[in-house]
């Protein structure tokens, strides 16, 4: 089998998921060509697992101060360039296209009538799951940004729908440092982040960012993005504070870290993710950067570990069967292997309703 696999690289979560899938696809004897869009080529890092991958400009969303800027998004995305990328993409000779919310691949396949699997969190949203912040613009983005003929939606809970647990692979958690908090808030201003944590001197905040700040308290550690460094800090952190994206929250839950999310304003997916975490009681939410909310979470945040099965391998086996139909019984058979437990004593916890 030969697959063309498009990955939206605006956020790290889509790339992380592709990193999990790549060795499993290769081990199954599937030949894969990867395409990454939505991020400047020079900002892609540690990409060796993808071999001789392709890159295009694609489309991306622009943010400012924790909010999507639709005006800047419209101005800085180039529709003419995007159309040329679609027209020039060579999909001949491939048996199947996979898109992880990547629009160039998705639209090139759609225009050529090629079967496309949409793999990712966004493809869960057509199902009956918790949704808020919805409007006609958000619905059209979900529907048309990277369309697929079959959606393999992923979420933290099934909500009784034919969706799958996350595709995730994390290191084994080590001994936890009770005062260590991992922070990843890429859509917030770095000065606002430092201001938020400056009063909590009994904790060590490890903040990953593209930005640099010269003056900061010693208990706030500013670090440049590095997959290895990030994973090492995640391993022994007691908790994670992040925007309400999908993949990092999955990793935090899998490793039994208490979780506090700040959803990106005016972004339906993140607002809905925050709602889902609250409804399942898997994480806490602060609508804005709020020191009072941080203080309460640091002292009272709930810790639960959600042990997900090897969903990536299950998807590879599903792909090899060639039916490419999402069956509720198949999805539930995978959810039956999810385990919820208290990481402190490994006691089993009740499954969220």
C-alpha atoms as a PDB file:
ATOM      1  CA  UNK A   1       0.000   0.000   0.000  1.00  0.00           C
ATOM      2  CA  UNK A   2       1.159   3.511  -0.825  1.00  0.00           C
ATOM      3  CA  UNK A   3      -0.184   6.482   1.188  1.00  0.00           C
ATOM      4  CA  UNK A   4       0.172  10.244   0.888  1.00  0.00           C
ATOM      5  CA  UNK A   5      -0.080  11.733   4.394  1.00  0.00           C
ATOM      6  CA  UNK A   6      -0.683  15.470   4.940  1.00  0.00           C
ATOM      7  CA  UNK A   7      -0.021  17.042   8.357  1.00  0.00           C
ATOM      8  CA  UNK A   8      -1.116  20.471   9.577  1.00  0.00           C
ATOM      9  CA  UNK A   9       2.041  21.817  11.239  1.00  0.00           C
ATOM     10  CA  UNK A  10       0.661  25.036  12.745  1.00  0.00           C
ATOM     11  CA  UNK A  11       0.559  23.347  16.148  1.00  0.00           C
ATOM     12  CA  UNK A  12       2.832  20.626  17.468  1.00  0.00           C
ATOM     13  CA  UNK A  13      -0.044  18.227  18.202  1.00  0.00           C
ATOM     14  CA  UNK A  14      -0.622  17.155  14.606  1.00  0.00           C
ATOM     15  CA  UNK A  15       3.096  16.506  14.122  1.00  0.00           C
ATOM     16  CA  UNK A  16       3.255  14.562  17.385  1.00  0.00           C
ATOM     17  CA  UNK A  17       0.428  12.308  16.223  1.00  0.00           C
ATOM     18  CA  UNK A  18       2.186  11.725  12.892  1.00  0.00           C
ATOM     19  CA  UNK A  19       5.357  10.781  14.814  1.00  0.00           C
ATOM     20  CA  UNK A  20       3.367   8.013  16.501  1.00  0.00           C
ATOM     21  CA  UNK A  21       1.884   6.781  13.239  1.00  0.00           C
ATOM     22  CA  UNK A  22       5.097   6.857  11.150  1.00  0.00           C
ATOM     23  CA  UNK A  23       6.963   3.843  12.634  1.00  0.00           C
ATOM     24  CA  UNK A  24       3.770   1.771  12.777  1.00  0.00           C
ATOM     25  CA  UNK A  25       2.983   2.423   9.127  1.00  0.00           C
ATOM     26  CA  UNK A  26       6.576   1.629   8.160  1.00  0.00           C
ATOM     27  CA  UNK A  27       6.562  -1.611  10.195  1.00  0.00           C
ATOM     28  CA  UNK A  28       3.409  -2.692   8.359  1.00  0.00           C
ATOM     29  CA  UNK A  29       5.202  -2.325   5.021  1.00  0.00           C
ATOM     30  CA  UNK A  30       3.196   0.737   3.992  1.00  0.00           C
ATOM     31  CA  UNK A  31       5.058   3.279   1.861  1.00  0.00           C
ATOM     32  CA  UNK A  32       4.257   6.815   3.013  1.00  0.00           C
ATOM     33  CA  UNK A  33       5.046  10.283   1.657  1.00  0.00           C
ATOM     34  CA  UNK A  34       4.513  13.095   4.188  1.00  0.00           C
ATOM     35  CA  UNK A  35       3.579  16.703   3.500  1.00  0.00           C
ATOM     36  CA  UNK A  36       3.705  19.453   6.164  1.00  0.00           C
ATOM     37  CA  UNK A  37       2.057  22.852   5.822  1.00  0.00           C
ATOM     38  CA  UNK A  38       1.059  25.797   8.013  1.00  0.00           C
ATOM     39  CA  UNK A  39       4.490  26.513   9.508  1.00  0.00           C
ATOM     40  CA  UNK A  40       7.660  27.963   7.977  1.00  0.00           C
ATOM     41  CA  UNK A  41       9.957  25.176   6.855  1.00  0.00           C
ATOM     42  CA  UNK A  42      12.846  26.456   9.008  1.00  0.00           C
ATOM     43  CA  UNK A  43      10.711  26.126  12.166  1.00  0.00           C
ATOM     44  CA  UNK A  44      10.176  22.381  11.732  1.00  0.00           C
ATOM     45  CA  UNK A  45      12.469  20.406  14.034  1.00  0.00           C
ATOM     46  CA  UNK A  46      13.416  16.766  14.752  1.00  0.00           C
ATOM     47  CA  UNK A  47      11.745  15.493  11.564  1.00  0.00           C
ATOM     48  CA  UNK A  48      13.998  12.515  10.830  1.00  0.00           C
ATOM     49  CA  UNK A  49      11.217   9.945  11.341  1.00  0.00           C
ATOM     50  CA  UNK A  50       9.416  11.314   8.263  1.00  0.00           C
ATOM     51  CA  UNK A  51      12.260  10.704   5.836  1.00  0.00           C
ATOM     52  CA  UNK A  52      12.238  12.778   2.631  1.00  0.00           C
ATOM     53  CA  UNK A  53       9.097  14.756   3.494  1.00  0.00           C
ATOM     54  CA  UNK A  54       7.520  17.546   1.433  1.00  0.00           C
ATOM     55  CA  UNK A  55       6.582  21.086   2.519  1.00  0.00           C
ATOM     56  CA  UNK A  56       4.132  23.702   1.282  1.00  0.00           C
ATOM     57  CA  UNK A  57       3.020  27.023   2.740  1.00  0.00           C
ATOM     58  CA  UNK A  58      -0.603  25.960   3.196  1.00  0.00           C
ATOM     59  CA  UNK A  59      -2.967  27.844   5.501  1.00  0.00           C
ATOM     60  CA  UNK A  60      -2.695  28.828   9.147  1.00  0.00           C
ATOM     61  CA  UNK A  61      -4.535  30.790  11.820  1.00  0.00           C
ATOM     62  CA  UNK A  62      -3.022  33.889  13.386  1.00  0.00           C
ATOM     63  CA  UNK A  63      -3.443  34.756  17.046  1.00  0.00           C
ATOM     64  CA  UNK A  64      -2.741  37.716  19.289  1.00  0.00           C
ATOM     65  CA  UNK A  65      -2.932  37.839  23.091  1.00  0.00           C
ATOM     66  CA  UNK A  66      -4.707  34.506  23.362  1.00  0.00           C
ATOM     67  CA  UNK A  67      -7.336  35.178  20.685  1.00  0.00           C
ATOM     68  CA  UNK A  68      -7.719  34.195  17.022  1.00  0.00           C
ATOM     69  CA  UNK A  69      -7.293  37.225  14.766  1.00  0.00           C
ATOM     70  CA  UNK A  70      -9.588  36.556  11.810  1.00  0.00           C
ATOM     71  CA  UNK A  71      -8.558  39.789  10.074  1.00  0.00           C
ATOM     72  CA  UNK A  72      -4.853  38.949  10.226  1.00  0.00           C
ATOM     73  CA  UNK A  73      -5.630  35.367   9.232  1.00  0.00           C
ATOM     74  CA  UNK A  74      -7.450  36.591   6.114  1.00  0.00           C
ATOM     75  CA  UNK A  75      -4.730  39.109   5.208  1.00  0.00           C
ATOM     76  CA  UNK A  76      -1.685  36.857   5.650  1.00  0.00           C
ATOM     77  CA  UNK A  77      -3.039  33.700   4.030  1.00  0.00           C
ATOM     78  CA  UNK A  78      -2.549  33.772   0.270  1.00  0.00           C
ATOM     79  CA  UNK A  79      -5.470  32.106  -1.590  1.00  0.00           C
ATOM     80  CA  UNK A  80      -3.658  32.215  -4.941  1.00  0.00           C
ATOM     81  CA  UNK A  81      -0.581  30.484  -3.533  1.00  0.00           C
ATOM     82  CA  UNK A  82      -2.810  27.966  -1.757  1.00  0.00           C
ATOM     83  CA  UNK A  83      -4.619  27.128  -5.011  1.00  0.00           C
ATOM     84  CA  UNK A  84      -1.302  26.667  -6.833  1.00  0.00           C
ATOM     85  CA  UNK A  85      -0.154  24.284  -4.095  1.00  0.00           C
ATOM     86  CA  UNK A  86      -3.327  22.228  -4.539  1.00  0.00           C
ATOM     87  CA  UNK A  87      -3.041  22.158  -8.324  1.00  0.00           C
ATOM     88  CA  UNK A  88       0.628  21.195  -8.331  1.00  0.00           C
ATOM     89  CA  UNK A  89       0.452  18.412  -5.730  1.00  0.00           C
ATOM     90  CA  UNK A  90       1.135  15.075  -7.426  1.00  0.00           C
ATOM     91  CA  UNK A  91      -1.021  12.322  -5.918  1.00  0.00           C
ATOM     92  CA  UNK A  92      -0.672   9.879  -8.794  1.00  0.00           C
ATOM     93  CA  UNK A  93       0.206   6.323  -7.839  1.00  0.00           C
ATOM     94  CA  UNK A  94      -1.123   6.512  -4.259  1.00  0.00           C
ATOM     95  CA  UNK A  95      -3.732   4.072  -2.954  1.00  0.00           C
ATOM     96  CA  UNK A  96      -5.006   6.374  -0.237  1.00  0.00           C
ATOM     97  CA  UNK A  97      -4.641   9.876   1.183  1.00  0.00           C
ATOM     98  CA  UNK A  98      -4.591  10.657   4.910  1.00  0.00           C
ATOM     99  CA  UNK A  99      -5.039  14.227   6.094  1.00  0.00           C
ATOM    100  CA  UNK A 100      -4.445  15.312   9.681  1.00  0.00           C
ATOM    101  CA  UNK A 101      -6.472  18.506   9.172  1.00  0.00           C
ATOM    102  CA  UNK A 102      -4.043  19.491   6.406  1.00  0.00           C
ATOM    103  CA  UNK A 103      -5.870  21.454   3.685  1.00  0.00           C
ATOM    104  CA  UNK A 104      -3.552  21.193   0.660  1.00  0.00           C
ATOM    105  CA  UNK A 105      -3.595  17.393   0.706  1.00  0.00           C
ATOM    106  CA  UNK A 106      -7.309  17.232   1.530  1.00  0.00           C
ATOM    107  CA  UNK A 107      -8.397  19.546  -1.278  1.00  0.00           C
ATOM    108  CA  UNK A 108      -6.001  18.074  -3.835  1.00  0.00           C
ATOM    109  CA  UNK A 109      -7.464  14.628  -3.110  1.00  0.00           C
ATOM    110  CA  UNK A 110     -11.037  15.913  -3.180  1.00  0.00           C
ATOM    111  CA  UNK A 111     -10.615  17.595  -6.555  1.00  0.00           C
ATOM    112  CA  UNK A 112      -9.101  14.405  -7.981  1.00  0.00           C
ATOM    113  CA  UNK A 113     -11.753  12.117  -6.448  1.00  0.00           C
ATOM    114  CA  UNK A 114      -9.241  10.207  -4.303  1.00  0.00           C
ATOM    115  CA  UNK A 115     -10.377   8.377  -1.147  1.00  0.00           C
ATOM    116  CA  UNK A 116      -9.288  10.422   1.883  1.00  0.00           C
ATOM    117  CA  UNK A 117      -9.126   9.489   5.568  1.00  0.00           C
ATOM    118  CA  UNK A 118      -9.326  12.438   7.960  1.00  0.00           C
ATOM    119  CA  UNK A 119      -7.357  11.505  11.077  1.00  0.00           C
ATOM    120  CA  UNK A 120      -7.454  13.821  14.066  1.00  0.00           C
ATOM    121  CA  UNK A 121      -9.419  15.526  16.786  1.00  0.00           C
ATOM    122  CA  UNK A 122     -11.241  17.852  14.378  1.00  0.00           C
ATOM    123  CA  UNK A 123     -12.948  14.895  12.697  1.00  0.00           C
ATOM    124  CA  UNK A 124     -14.784  14.098  15.946  1.00  0.00           C
ATOM    125  CA  UNK A 125     -16.798  17.327  15.763  1.00  0.00           C
ATOM    126  CA  UNK A 126     -19.464  16.127  13.294  1.00  0.00           C
ATOM    127  CA  UNK A 127     -20.469  13.657  16.038  1.00  0.00           C
ATOM    128  CA  UNK A 128     -22.629  14.400  19.085  1.00  0.00           C
ATOM    129  CA  UNK A 129     -19.880  15.621  21.446  1.00  0.00           C
ATOM    130  CA  UNK A 130     -19.692  18.653  23.786  1.00  0.00           C
ATOM    131  CA  UNK A 131     -19.514  21.789  21.639  1.00  0.00           C
ATOM    132  CA  UNK A 132     -19.584  25.463  22.594  1.00  0.00           C
ATOM    133  CA  UNK A 133     -18.535  28.718  20.949  1.00  0.00           C
ATOM    134  CA  UNK A 134     -20.096  27.430  17.745  1.00  0.00           C
ATOM    135  CA  UNK A 135     -21.164  29.703  14.891  1.00  0.00           C
ATOM    136  CA  UNK A 136     -21.554  29.405  11.137  1.00  0.00           C
ATOM    137  CA  UNK A 137     -17.928  30.432  10.556  1.00  0.00           C
ATOM    138  CA  UNK A 138     -16.573  27.803  12.969  1.00  0.00           C
ATOM    139  CA  UNK A 139     -18.840  25.099  11.504  1.00  0.00           C
ATOM    140  CA  UNK A 140     -17.648  25.881   7.988  1.00  0.00           C
ATOM    141  CA  UNK A 141     -14.003  25.814   9.074  1.00  0.00           C
ATOM    142  CA  UNK A 142     -14.478  22.334  10.546  1.00  0.00           C
ATOM    143  CA  UNK A 143     -16.353  21.153   7.457  1.00  0.00           C
ATOM    144  CA  UNK A 144     -14.329  22.676   4.645  1.00  0.00           C
ATOM    145  CA  UNK A 145     -10.813  23.446   5.934  1.00  0.00           C
ATOM    146  CA  UNK A 146      -9.534  19.897   5.303  1.00  0.00           C
ATOM    147  CA  UNK A 147     -12.431  17.726   4.075  1.00  0.00           C
ATOM    148  CA  UNK A 148     -12.243  13.944   4.029  1.00  0.00           C
ATOM    149  CA  UNK A 149     -14.439  11.167   2.699  1.00  0.00           C
ATOM    150  CA  UNK A 150     -14.085   9.217   5.983  1.00  0.00           C
ATOM    151  CA  UNK A 151     -13.311  10.778   9.357  1.00  0.00           C
ATOM    152  CA  UNK A 152     -11.388   9.013  12.123  1.00  0.00           C
ATOM    153  CA  UNK A 153     -12.200  11.403  14.951  1.00  0.00           C
ATOM    154  CA  UNK A 154     -10.228  11.278  18.202  1.00  0.00           C
ATOM    155  CA  UNK A 155     -11.219  12.455  21.687  1.00  0.00           C
ATOM    156  CA  UNK A 156     -10.613  11.917  25.422  1.00  0.00           C
ATOM    157  CA  UNK A 157     -13.994  10.215  25.770  1.00  0.00           C
ATOM    158  CA  UNK A 158     -16.300   8.479  23.311  1.00  0.00           C
ATOM    159  CA  UNK A 159     -19.556  10.239  24.326  1.00  0.00           C
ATOM    160  CA  UNK A 160     -21.337   7.210  22.858  1.00  0.00           C
ATOM    161  CA  UNK A 161     -20.131   8.050  19.340  1.00  0.00           C
ATOM    162  CA  UNK A 162     -18.007   6.186  16.730  1.00  0.00           C
ATOM    163  CA  UNK A 163     -14.803   8.043  17.599  1.00  0.00           C
ATOM    164  CA  UNK A 164     -11.485   6.718  18.882  1.00  0.00           C
ATOM    165  CA  UNK A 165      -9.204   7.412  21.848  1.00  0.00           C
ATOM    166  CA  UNK A 166      -6.138   9.588  21.182  1.00  0.00           C
ATOM    167  CA  UNK A 167      -3.203   8.425  19.079  1.00  0.00           C
ATOM    168  CA  UNK A 168      -0.492   8.953  21.650  1.00  0.00           C
ATOM    169  CA  UNK A 169       2.871   7.699  22.816  1.00  0.00           C
ATOM    170  CA  UNK A 170       4.464   9.089  25.960  1.00  0.00           C
ATOM    171  CA  UNK A 171       7.448   8.127  28.133  1.00  0.00           C
ATOM    172  CA  UNK A 172       6.855   6.272  31.360  1.00  0.00           C
ATOM    173  CA  UNK A 173       6.325   8.807  34.167  1.00  0.00           C
ATOM    174  CA  UNK A 174       9.191   9.023  36.619  1.00  0.00           C
ATOM    175  CA  UNK A 175       9.298  10.277  40.216  1.00  0.00           C
ATOM    176  CA  UNK A 176       7.263  13.479  40.383  1.00  0.00           C
ATOM    177  CA  UNK A 177       8.603  16.785  41.691  1.00  0.00           C
ATOM    178  CA  UNK A 178       5.567  18.148  43.599  1.00  0.00           C
ATOM    179  CA  UNK A 179       6.503  21.775  42.961  1.00  0.00           C
ATOM    180  CA  UNK A 180       7.249  21.415  39.242  1.00  0.00           C
ATOM    181  CA  UNK A 181       4.706  22.694  36.716  1.00  0.00           C
ATOM    182  CA  UNK A 182       5.116  22.426  32.941  1.00  0.00           C
ATOM    183  CA  UNK A 183       3.668  25.396  31.032  1.00  0.00           C
ATOM    184  CA  UNK A 184       2.936  25.599  27.306  1.00  0.00           C
ATOM    185  CA  UNK A 185       0.822  28.609  26.332  1.00  0.00           C
ATOM    186  CA  UNK A 186       2.031  29.435  22.796  1.00  0.00           C
ATOM    187  CA  UNK A 187      -0.886  31.750  22.008  1.00  0.00           C
ATOM    188  CA  UNK A 188      -0.357  33.992  25.039  1.00  0.00           C
ATOM    189  CA  UNK A 189       2.075  36.891  25.405  1.00  0.00           C
ATOM    190  CA  UNK A 190       5.236  35.910  27.303  1.00  0.00           C
ATOM    191  CA  UNK A 191       5.061  38.958  29.588  1.00  0.00           C
ATOM    192  CA  UNK A 192       1.496  37.993  30.562  1.00  0.00           C
ATOM    193  CA  UNK A 193       2.664  34.468  31.375  1.00  0.00           C
ATOM    194  CA  UNK A 194       5.501  35.695  33.590  1.00  0.00           C
ATOM    195  CA  UNK A 195       3.150  38.124  35.326  1.00  0.00           C
ATOM    196  CA  UNK A 196       0.691  35.276  35.988  1.00  0.00           C
ATOM    197  CA  UNK A 197       3.223  33.069  37.788  1.00  0.00           C
ATOM    198  CA  UNK A 198       5.488  35.613  39.457  1.00  0.00           C
ATOM    199  CA  UNK A 199       3.682  35.429  42.801  1.00  0.00           C
ATOM    200  CA  UNK A 200       3.852  31.630  43.167  1.00  0.00           C
ATOM    201  CA  UNK A 201       7.388  31.358  44.492  1.00  0.00           C
ATOM    202  CA  UNK A 202       6.840  27.955  46.116  1.00  0.00           C
ATOM    203  CA  UNK A 203       6.597  26.380  42.649  1.00  0.00           C
ATOM    204  CA  UNK A 204       8.952  25.976  39.701  1.00  0.00           C
ATOM    205  CA  UNK A 205       7.327  26.836  36.363  1.00  0.00           C
ATOM    206  CA  UNK A 206       9.019  25.466  33.246  1.00  0.00           C
ATOM    207  CA  UNK A 207       7.685  27.570  30.373  1.00  0.00           C
ATOM    208  CA  UNK A 208       8.250  26.442  26.775  1.00  0.00           C
ATOM    209  CA  UNK A 209       8.018  29.241  24.218  1.00  0.00           C
ATOM    210  CA  UNK A 210       9.389  30.675  20.981  1.00  0.00           C
ATOM    211  CA  UNK A 211      10.021  33.948  22.807  1.00  0.00           C
ATOM    212  CA  UNK A 212      12.782  35.267  25.046  1.00  0.00           C
ATOM    213  CA  UNK A 213      12.450  37.494  28.087  1.00  0.00           C
ATOM    214  CA  UNK A 214      15.408  38.959  29.915  1.00  0.00           C
ATOM    215  CA  UNK A 215      13.967  39.865  33.312  1.00  0.00           C
ATOM    216  CA  UNK A 216      11.989  37.255  35.227  1.00  0.00           C
ATOM    217  CA  UNK A 217      11.815  35.722  38.709  1.00  0.00           C
ATOM    218  CA  UNK A 218      14.175  32.762  39.290  1.00  0.00           C
ATOM    219  CA  UNK A 219      11.317  30.295  39.837  1.00  0.00           C
ATOM    220  CA  UNK A 220      10.135  30.803  36.233  1.00  0.00           C
ATOM    221  CA  UNK A 221      12.310  28.913  33.742  1.00  0.00           C
ATOM    222  CA  UNK A 222      11.996  30.000  30.103  1.00  0.00           C
ATOM    223  CA  UNK A 223      12.907  27.246  27.636  1.00  0.00           C
ATOM    224  CA  UNK A 224      13.040  27.045  23.860  1.00  0.00           C
ATOM    225  CA  UNK A 225      10.989  24.370  22.113  1.00  0.00           C
ATOM    226  CA  UNK A 226      12.675  20.982  22.115  1.00  0.00           C
ATOM    227  CA  UNK A 227      10.843  17.675  21.906  1.00  0.00           C
ATOM    228  CA  UNK A 228      13.404  15.845  24.073  1.00  0.00           C
ATOM    229  CA  UNK A 229      13.565  18.615  26.686  1.00  0.00           C
ATOM    230  CA  UNK A 230       9.799  18.968  26.771  1.00  0.00           C
ATOM    231  CA  UNK A 231       9.272  15.236  27.272  1.00  0.00           C
ATOM    232  CA  UNK A 232      11.859  15.160  30.072  1.00  0.00           C
ATOM    233  CA  UNK A 233      10.110  17.995  31.896  1.00  0.00           C
ATOM    234  CA  UNK A 234       6.712  16.397  31.356  1.00  0.00           C
ATOM    235  CA  UNK A 235       7.943  13.140  32.849  1.00  0.00           C
ATOM    236  CA  UNK A 236       8.561  14.502  36.371  1.00  0.00           C
ATOM    237  CA  UNK A 237       6.182  17.485  36.470  1.00  0.00           C
ATOM    238  CA  UNK A 238       3.287  17.390  38.909  1.00  0.00           C
ATOM    239  CA  UNK A 239       0.974  19.321  36.615  1.00  0.00           C
ATOM    240  CA  UNK A 240       0.523  20.908  33.205  1.00  0.00           C
ATOM    241  CA  UNK A 241      -0.873  24.345  32.342  1.00  0.00           C
ATOM    242  CA  UNK A 242      -1.614  24.785  28.648  1.00  0.00           C
ATOM    243  CA  UNK A 243      -4.037  26.087  26.076  1.00  0.00           C
ATOM    244  CA  UNK A 244      -7.001  23.813  25.373  1.00  0.00           C
ATOM    245  CA  UNK A 245      -5.514  22.045  22.382  1.00  0.00           C
ATOM    246  CA  UNK A 246      -5.768  18.284  22.140  1.00  0.00           C
ATOM    247  CA  UNK A 247      -2.453  16.446  22.026  1.00  0.00           C
ATOM    248  CA  UNK A 248      -0.655  17.872  25.084  1.00  0.00           C
ATOM    249  CA  UNK A 249      -3.759  17.372  27.207  1.00  0.00           C
ATOM    250  CA  UNK A 250      -3.747  13.734  26.040  1.00  0.00           C
ATOM    251  CA  UNK A 251      -0.126  13.319  27.116  1.00  0.00           C
ATOM    252  CA  UNK A 252      -0.821  14.909  30.499  1.00  0.00           C
ATOM    253  CA  UNK A 253      -3.780  12.580  31.104  1.00  0.00           C
ATOM    254  CA  UNK A 254      -1.826   9.521  29.972  1.00  0.00           C
ATOM    255  CA  UNK A 255       0.982  10.345  32.404  1.00  0.00           C
ATOM    256  CA  UNK A 256      -1.301  11.171  35.318  1.00  0.00           C
ATOM    257  CA  UNK A 257      -0.568  14.909  35.523  1.00  0.00           C
ATOM    258  CA  UNK A 258      -3.169  17.284  36.882  1.00  0.00           C
ATOM    259  CA  UNK A 259      -4.293  19.566  34.096  1.00  0.00           C
ATOM    260  CA  UNK A 260      -5.331  23.226  33.848  1.00  0.00           C
ATOM    261  CA  UNK A 261      -6.267  24.617  30.437  1.00  0.00           C
ATOM    262  CA  UNK A 262      -6.858  28.135  29.156  1.00  0.00           C
ATOM    263  CA  UNK A 263      -8.843  27.961  25.893  1.00  0.00           C
ATOM    264  CA  UNK A 264      -7.959  30.221  23.014  1.00  0.00           C
ATOM    265  CA  UNK A 265     -10.674  32.863  22.788  1.00  0.00           C
ATOM    266  CA  UNK A 266     -12.982  32.843  19.760  1.00  0.00           C
ATOM    267  CA  UNK A 267     -11.799  29.357  18.811  1.00  0.00           C
ATOM    268  CA  UNK A 268     -14.599  26.808  18.870  1.00  0.00           C
ATOM    269  CA  UNK A 269     -12.374  23.739  19.060  1.00  0.00           C
ATOM    270  CA  UNK A 270     -10.503  24.904  22.145  1.00  0.00           C
ATOM    271  CA  UNK A 271     -13.641  26.192  23.865  1.00  0.00           C
ATOM    272  CA  UNK A 272     -15.294  22.832  23.217  1.00  0.00           C
ATOM    273  CA  UNK A 273     -12.235  20.949  24.480  1.00  0.00           C
ATOM    274  CA  UNK A 274     -12.409  22.923  27.715  1.00  0.00           C
ATOM    275  CA  UNK A 275     -16.091  22.052  28.066  1.00  0.00           C
ATOM    276  CA  UNK A 276     -15.360  18.354  27.462  1.00  0.00           C
ATOM    277  CA  UNK A 277     -12.649  18.338  30.138  1.00  0.00           C
ATOM    278  CA  UNK A 278     -15.049  19.921  32.625  1.00  0.00           C
ATOM    279  CA  UNK A 279     -17.905  17.539  31.795  1.00  0.00           C
ATOM    280  CA  UNK A 280     -15.715  14.448  32.184  1.00  0.00           C
ATOM    281  CA  UNK A 281     -13.899  15.954  35.223  1.00  0.00           C
ATOM    282  CA  UNK A 282     -10.554  15.134  33.627  1.00  0.00           C
ATOM    283  CA  UNK A 283      -9.168  18.669  33.910  1.00  0.00           C
ATOM    284  CA  UNK A 284      -9.764  22.200  35.152  1.00  0.00           C
ATOM    285  CA  UNK A 285     -10.412  25.313  33.073  1.00  0.00           C
ATOM    286  CA  UNK A 286      -9.611  29.023  33.414  1.00  0.00           C
ATOM    287  CA  UNK A 287     -11.279  31.189  30.723  1.00  0.00           C
ATOM    288  CA  UNK A 288      -8.591  33.866  31.133  1.00  0.00           C
ATOM    289  CA  UNK A 289      -5.086  33.991  32.597  1.00  0.00           C
ATOM    290  CA  UNK A 290      -6.196  34.149  36.223  1.00  0.00           C
ATOM    291  CA  UNK A 291      -3.898  33.956  39.255  1.00  0.00           C
ATOM    292  CA  UNK A 292      -6.826  33.050  41.536  1.00  0.00           C
ATOM    293  CA  UNK A 293      -7.705  30.069  39.332  1.00  0.00           C
ATOM    294  CA  UNK A 294      -4.046  28.992  39.234  1.00  0.00           C
ATOM    295  CA  UNK A 295      -3.792  29.224  43.031  1.00  0.00           C
ATOM    296  CA  UNK A 296      -6.900  27.075  43.541  1.00  0.00           C
ATOM    297  CA  UNK A 297      -5.731  24.488  41.004  1.00  0.00           C
ATOM    298  CA  UNK A 298      -2.241  24.248  42.494  1.00  0.00           C
ATOM    299  CA  UNK A 299      -3.749  23.478  45.914  1.00  0.00           C
ATOM    300  CA  UNK A 300      -6.814  21.448  44.904  1.00  0.00           C
ATOM    301  CA  UNK A 301      -6.380  20.201  41.329  1.00  0.00           C
ATOM    302  CA  UNK A 302      -7.588  16.642  40.735  1.00  0.00           C
ATOM    303  CA  UNK A 303      -5.105  14.099  39.404  1.00  0.00           C
ATOM    304  CA  UNK A 304      -6.324  11.186  37.307  1.00  0.00           C
ATOM    305  CA  UNK A 305      -4.416   8.924  34.942  1.00  0.00           C
ATOM    306  CA  UNK A 306      -6.074   7.792  31.720  1.00  0.00           C
ATOM    307  CA  UNK A 307      -4.138   4.912  30.184  1.00  0.00           C
ATOM    308  CA  UNK A 308      -4.936   4.789  26.469  1.00  0.00           C
ATOM    309  CA  UNK A 309      -4.243   1.675  24.343  1.00  0.00           C
ATOM    310  CA  UNK A 310      -2.110   1.626  21.184  1.00  0.00           C
ATOM    311  CA  UNK A 311      -4.680   3.335  18.961  1.00  0.00           C
ATOM    312  CA  UNK A 312      -2.077   3.993  16.254  1.00  0.00           C
ATOM    313  CA  UNK A 313      -1.569   0.255  15.756  1.00  0.00           C
ATOM    314  CA  UNK A 314      -5.330  -0.340  15.698  1.00  0.00           C
ATOM    315  CA  UNK A 315      -5.653   2.260  12.924  1.00  0.00           C
ATOM    316  CA  UNK A 316      -2.862   0.661  10.881  1.00  0.00           C
ATOM    317  CA  UNK A 317      -4.625  -2.719  11.100  1.00  0.00           C
ATOM    318  CA  UNK A 318      -7.898  -1.030  10.081  1.00  0.00           C
ATOM    319  CA  UNK A 319      -6.172   0.587   7.084  1.00  0.00           C
ATOM    320  CA  UNK A 320      -4.750  -2.750   5.933  1.00  0.00           C
ATOM    321  CA  UNK A 321      -8.224  -4.340   5.878  1.00  0.00           C
ATOM    322  CA  UNK A 322      -9.160  -1.876   3.128  1.00  0.00           C
ATOM    323  CA  UNK A 323     -12.806  -1.389   4.152  1.00  0.00           C
ATOM    324  CA  UNK A 324     -12.195   2.109   5.591  1.00  0.00           C
ATOM    325  CA  UNK A 325     -15.542   2.304   7.366  1.00  0.00           C
ATOM    326  CA  UNK A 326     -15.857   3.553  10.960  1.00  0.00           C
ATOM    327  CA  UNK A 327     -17.949   1.084  12.922  1.00  0.00           C
ATOM    328  CA  UNK A 328     -19.297   1.913  16.402  1.00  0.00           C
ATOM    329  CA  UNK A 329     -18.611  -1.611  17.690  1.00  0.00           C
ATOM    330  CA  UNK A 330     -14.992  -1.392  16.518  1.00  0.00           C
ATOM    331  CA  UNK A 331     -14.543   1.989  18.200  1.00  0.00           C
ATOM    332  CA  UNK A 332     -16.075   0.751  21.456  1.00  0.00           C
ATOM    333  CA  UNK A 333     -13.861  -2.339  21.452  1.00  0.00           C
ATOM    334  CA  UNK A 334     -10.886   0.026  21.617  1.00  0.00           C
ATOM    335  CA  UNK A 335     -12.470   2.181  24.343  1.00  0.00           C
ATOM    336  CA  UNK A 336     -12.994  -0.973  26.411  1.00  0.00           C
ATOM    337  CA  UNK A 337      -9.198  -1.134  26.793  1.00  0.00           C
ATOM    338  CA  UNK A 338      -8.908   2.376  28.314  1.00  0.00           C
ATOM    339  CA  UNK A 339      -8.058   2.356  32.049  1.00  0.00           C
ATOM    340  CA  UNK A 340      -8.735   5.190  34.528  1.00  0.00           C
ATOM    341  CA  UNK A 341      -6.778   5.194  37.780  1.00  0.00           C
ATOM    342  CA  UNK A 342      -5.359   7.258  40.613  1.00  0.00           C
ATOM    343  CA  UNK A 343      -1.636   7.619  39.817  1.00  0.00           C
ATOM    344  CA  UNK A 344      -0.756   7.958  43.505  1.00  0.00           C
ATOM    345  CA  UNK A 345      -1.895   4.444  44.445  1.00  0.00           C
ATOM    346  CA  UNK A 346      -2.812   2.912  41.042  1.00  0.00           C
ATOM    347  CA  UNK A 347      -6.380   2.341  42.252  1.00  0.00           C
ATOM    348  CA  UNK A 348      -8.943   2.074  39.476  1.00  0.00           C
ATOM    349  CA  UNK A 349     -11.240   5.072  39.055  1.00  0.00           C
ATOM    350  CA  UNK A 350     -14.806   5.269  37.805  1.00  0.00           C
ATOM    351  CA  UNK A 351     -15.096   5.675  34.028  1.00  0.00           C
ATOM    352  CA  UNK A 352     -16.503   9.110  33.075  1.00  0.00           C
ATOM    353  CA  UNK A 353     -20.164   8.874  32.069  1.00  0.00           C
END
